[in-house]
């Protein structure tokens, strides 16, 4: 009986620790407040218009890196990729200056590129209005 109580107490401690970690992650995600989120294949992109933050993640280790081309209606386009899978991410933001500082009020297209197939997955767009 004593062994069962010890196992039960350990299981409860692990569950409590898991609940704290999950709550922290949820609170952190809520604080980020992304304006746009898109997923395709095993990749994802998050956009926060204030600060022109674009985060690209290669979510799954499948040998196909996440690759995106950011095309503002006016100004220089740029592309970037992420290799590695398992949530490897890369972020660009306005504070880097130049082409990363997107003009206000312009339509920004995102072209999702399938690196291994050599073709476009698709497009999404947003108006950079804050």
C-alpha atoms as a PDB file:
ATOM      1  CA  UNK A   1       0.000   0.000   0.000  1.00  0.00           C
ATOM      2  CA  UNK A   2       2.836   2.357   0.839  1.00  0.00           C
ATOM      3  CA  UNK A   3       4.308   1.907  -2.677  1.00  0.00           C
ATOM      4  CA  UNK A   4       0.951   2.817  -4.256  1.00  0.00           C
ATOM      5  CA  UNK A   5       0.794   6.046  -2.234  1.00  0.00           C
ATOM      6  CA  UNK A   6       4.353   6.961  -3.274  1.00  0.00           C
ATOM      7  CA  UNK A   7       3.540   6.332  -6.948  1.00  0.00           C
ATOM      8  CA  UNK A   8       0.302   8.331  -6.666  1.00  0.00           C
ATOM      9  CA  UNK A   9       2.115  11.249  -4.984  1.00  0.00           C
ATOM     10  CA  UNK A  10       4.798  11.237  -7.704  1.00  0.00           C
ATOM     11  CA  UNK A  11       2.172  11.173 -10.458  1.00  0.00           C
ATOM     12  CA  UNK A  12       0.338  14.105  -8.875  1.00  0.00           C
ATOM     13  CA  UNK A  13       3.572  16.116  -8.637  1.00  0.00           C
ATOM     14  CA  UNK A  14       4.351  15.471 -12.314  1.00  0.00           C
ATOM     15  CA  UNK A  15       0.804  16.468 -13.321  1.00  0.00           C
ATOM     16  CA  UNK A  16       1.015  19.680 -11.281  1.00  0.00           C
ATOM     17  CA  UNK A  17       4.370  20.583 -12.866  1.00  0.00           C
ATOM     18  CA  UNK A  18       2.912  19.911 -16.323  1.00  0.00           C
ATOM     19  CA  UNK A  19      -0.059  22.160 -15.594  1.00  0.00           C
ATOM     20  CA  UNK A  20       2.259  24.992 -14.570  1.00  0.00           C
ATOM     21  CA  UNK A  21       4.339  24.627 -17.719  1.00  0.00           C
ATOM     22  CA  UNK A  22       1.281  24.513 -19.948  1.00  0.00           C
ATOM     23  CA  UNK A  23      -0.225  27.561 -18.252  1.00  0.00           C
ATOM     24  CA  UNK A  24       3.001  29.494 -18.728  1.00  0.00           C
ATOM     25  CA  UNK A  25       3.194  28.625 -22.404  1.00  0.00           C
ATOM     26  CA  UNK A  26      -0.424  29.622 -22.952  1.00  0.00           C
ATOM     27  CA  UNK A  27       0.119  32.940 -21.190  1.00  0.00           C
ATOM     28  CA  UNK A  28       3.253  33.620 -23.257  1.00  0.00           C
ATOM     29  CA  UNK A  29       1.435  32.869 -26.526  1.00  0.00           C
ATOM     30  CA  UNK A  30      -1.488  35.080 -25.529  1.00  0.00           C
ATOM     31  CA  UNK A  31       0.904  37.950 -24.752  1.00  0.00           C
ATOM     32  CA  UNK A  32       2.459  37.753 -28.251  1.00  0.00           C
ATOM     33  CA  UNK A  33      -0.825  38.569 -30.041  1.00  0.00           C
ATOM     34  CA  UNK A  34       0.096  37.711 -33.618  1.00  0.00           C
ATOM     35  CA  UNK A  35      -2.024  39.531 -36.211  1.00  0.00           C
ATOM     36  CA  UNK A  36      -1.820  36.703 -38.756  1.00  0.00           C
ATOM     37  CA  UNK A  37      -0.921  33.005 -38.545  1.00  0.00           C
ATOM     38  CA  UNK A  38      -0.743  30.581 -41.459  1.00  0.00           C
ATOM     39  CA  UNK A  39       0.334  26.957 -41.681  1.00  0.00           C
ATOM     40  CA  UNK A  40       0.975  24.916 -44.779  1.00  0.00           C
ATOM     41  CA  UNK A  41       2.498  21.472 -45.084  1.00  0.00           C
ATOM     42  CA  UNK A  42       4.797  21.113 -42.124  1.00  0.00           C
ATOM     43  CA  UNK A  43       5.687  24.817 -41.894  1.00  0.00           C
ATOM     44  CA  UNK A  44       4.176  27.953 -40.405  1.00  0.00           C
ATOM     45  CA  UNK A  45       4.461  31.726 -40.451  1.00  0.00           C
ATOM     46  CA  UNK A  46       3.394  34.307 -37.863  1.00  0.00           C
ATOM     47  CA  UNK A  47       3.032  38.039 -38.550  1.00  0.00           C
ATOM     48  CA  UNK A  48       2.826  40.947 -36.134  1.00  0.00           C
ATOM     49  CA  UNK A  49       2.189  44.147 -38.070  1.00  0.00           C
ATOM     50  CA  UNK A  50       3.435  46.486 -35.334  1.00  0.00           C
ATOM     51  CA  UNK A  51       7.200  46.222 -35.717  1.00  0.00           C
ATOM     52  CA  UNK A  52       6.848  44.313 -39.015  1.00  0.00           C
ATOM     53  CA  UNK A  53       7.702  41.015 -37.319  1.00  0.00           C
ATOM     54  CA  UNK A  54       7.609  37.954 -39.578  1.00  0.00           C
ATOM     55  CA  UNK A  55       8.486  34.626 -37.944  1.00  0.00           C
ATOM     56  CA  UNK A  56       8.959  31.497 -40.071  1.00  0.00           C
ATOM     57  CA  UNK A  57       9.180  27.994 -38.572  1.00  0.00           C
ATOM     58  CA  UNK A  58      10.126  24.615 -39.985  1.00  0.00           C
ATOM     59  CA  UNK A  59       7.885  22.539 -37.746  1.00  0.00           C
ATOM     60  CA  UNK A  60       8.572  18.996 -38.951  1.00  0.00           C
ATOM     61  CA  UNK A  61      11.918  17.334 -39.682  1.00  0.00           C
ATOM     62  CA  UNK A  62      11.048  16.147 -43.189  1.00  0.00           C
ATOM     63  CA  UNK A  63      14.072  17.369 -45.154  1.00  0.00           C
ATOM     64  CA  UNK A  64      12.021  20.185 -46.693  1.00  0.00           C
ATOM     65  CA  UNK A  65      13.008  23.559 -45.205  1.00  0.00           C
ATOM     66  CA  UNK A  66      10.464  26.309 -44.635  1.00  0.00           C
ATOM     67  CA  UNK A  67      10.972  29.046 -47.228  1.00  0.00           C
ATOM     68  CA  UNK A  68       9.026  32.263 -47.684  1.00  0.00           C
ATOM     69  CA  UNK A  69       9.282  35.266 -49.986  1.00  0.00           C
ATOM     70  CA  UNK A  70       7.953  38.554 -48.553  1.00  0.00           C
ATOM     71  CA  UNK A  71       6.743  40.852 -51.334  1.00  0.00           C
ATOM     72  CA  UNK A  72       5.511  44.325 -50.338  1.00  0.00           C
ATOM     73  CA  UNK A  73       3.479  46.242 -52.950  1.00  0.00           C
ATOM     74  CA  UNK A  74       6.165  48.926 -52.889  1.00  0.00           C
ATOM     75  CA  UNK A  75       9.762  48.373 -51.877  1.00  0.00           C
ATOM     76  CA  UNK A  76      12.296  45.599 -51.846  1.00  0.00           C
ATOM     77  CA  UNK A  77      11.208  42.006 -51.458  1.00  0.00           C
ATOM     78  CA  UNK A  78      13.174  39.541 -49.391  1.00  0.00           C
ATOM     79  CA  UNK A  79      13.168  35.823 -48.780  1.00  0.00           C
ATOM     80  CA  UNK A  80      14.400  33.629 -46.003  1.00  0.00           C
ATOM     81  CA  UNK A  81      14.417  29.985 -45.096  1.00  0.00           C
ATOM     82  CA  UNK A  82      14.653  27.788 -42.033  1.00  0.00           C
ATOM     83  CA  UNK A  83      16.198  24.316 -41.909  1.00  0.00           C
ATOM     84  CA  UNK A  84      16.158  21.714 -39.196  1.00  0.00           C
ATOM     85  CA  UNK A  85      12.550  20.917 -38.404  1.00  0.00           C
ATOM     86  CA  UNK A  86      11.217  20.357 -34.887  1.00  0.00           C
ATOM     87  CA  UNK A  87      10.255  24.005 -34.511  1.00  0.00           C
ATOM     88  CA  UNK A  88      13.404  25.669 -35.839  1.00  0.00           C
ATOM     89  CA  UNK A  89      12.439  29.316 -36.412  1.00  0.00           C
ATOM     90  CA  UNK A  90      13.857  32.521 -37.840  1.00  0.00           C
ATOM     91  CA  UNK A  91      12.464  36.035 -37.439  1.00  0.00           C
ATOM     92  CA  UNK A  92      12.908  39.335 -39.264  1.00  0.00           C
ATOM     93  CA  UNK A  93      11.624  42.681 -37.989  1.00  0.00           C
ATOM     94  CA  UNK A  94      11.542  46.375 -38.864  1.00  0.00           C
ATOM     95  CA  UNK A  95      14.301  47.159 -36.357  1.00  0.00           C
ATOM     96  CA  UNK A  96      16.734  45.415 -38.733  1.00  0.00           C
ATOM     97  CA  UNK A  97      16.124  48.314 -41.141  1.00  0.00           C
ATOM     98  CA  UNK A  98      16.110  48.435 -44.929  1.00  0.00           C
ATOM     99  CA  UNK A  99      13.847  45.962 -46.680  1.00  0.00           C
ATOM    100  CA  UNK A 100      12.644  44.514 -43.353  1.00  0.00           C
ATOM    101  CA  UNK A 101      10.982  47.821 -42.430  1.00  0.00           C
ATOM    102  CA  UNK A 102       7.737  47.455 -44.405  1.00  0.00           C
ATOM    103  CA  UNK A 103       5.892  50.636 -45.388  1.00  0.00           C
ATOM    104  CA  UNK A 104       2.579  51.351 -43.695  1.00  0.00           C
ATOM    105  CA  UNK A 105      -0.603  50.927 -45.684  1.00  0.00           C
ATOM    106  CA  UNK A 106       0.843  48.633 -48.358  1.00  0.00           C
ATOM    107  CA  UNK A 107      -0.381  45.171 -49.276  1.00  0.00           C
ATOM    108  CA  UNK A 108       2.239  42.548 -48.407  1.00  0.00           C
ATOM    109  CA  UNK A 109       2.154  39.184 -50.192  1.00  0.00           C
ATOM    110  CA  UNK A 110       3.745  36.105 -48.713  1.00  0.00           C
ATOM    111  CA  UNK A 111       4.765  33.395 -51.167  1.00  0.00           C
ATOM    112  CA  UNK A 112       5.252  29.992 -49.555  1.00  0.00           C
ATOM    113  CA  UNK A 113       7.847  28.022 -51.464  1.00  0.00           C
ATOM    114  CA  UNK A 114       8.262  24.226 -51.487  1.00  0.00           C
ATOM    115  CA  UNK A 115      12.032  23.975 -51.631  1.00  0.00           C
ATOM    116  CA  UNK A 116      12.266  20.282 -52.573  1.00  0.00           C
ATOM    117  CA  UNK A 117       9.517  20.376 -55.223  1.00  0.00           C
ATOM    118  CA  UNK A 118      10.719  23.704 -56.658  1.00  0.00           C
ATOM    119  CA  UNK A 119       7.256  25.240 -56.694  1.00  0.00           C
ATOM    120  CA  UNK A 120       4.985  27.608 -54.792  1.00  0.00           C
ATOM    121  CA  UNK A 121       2.736  26.172 -52.051  1.00  0.00           C
ATOM    122  CA  UNK A 122       0.507  29.206 -52.174  1.00  0.00           C
ATOM    123  CA  UNK A 123       0.085  32.873 -51.329  1.00  0.00           C
ATOM    124  CA  UNK A 124      -1.316  34.827 -48.426  1.00  0.00           C
ATOM    125  CA  UNK A 125      -1.457  38.584 -48.019  1.00  0.00           C
ATOM    126  CA  UNK A 126      -2.149  41.267 -45.464  1.00  0.00           C
ATOM    127  CA  UNK A 127      -2.303  45.057 -45.398  1.00  0.00           C
ATOM    128  CA  UNK A 128       0.412  46.449 -43.160  1.00  0.00           C
ATOM    129  CA  UNK A 129      -1.751  49.008 -41.390  1.00  0.00           C
ATOM    130  CA  UNK A 130      -0.254  49.291 -37.889  1.00  0.00           C
END
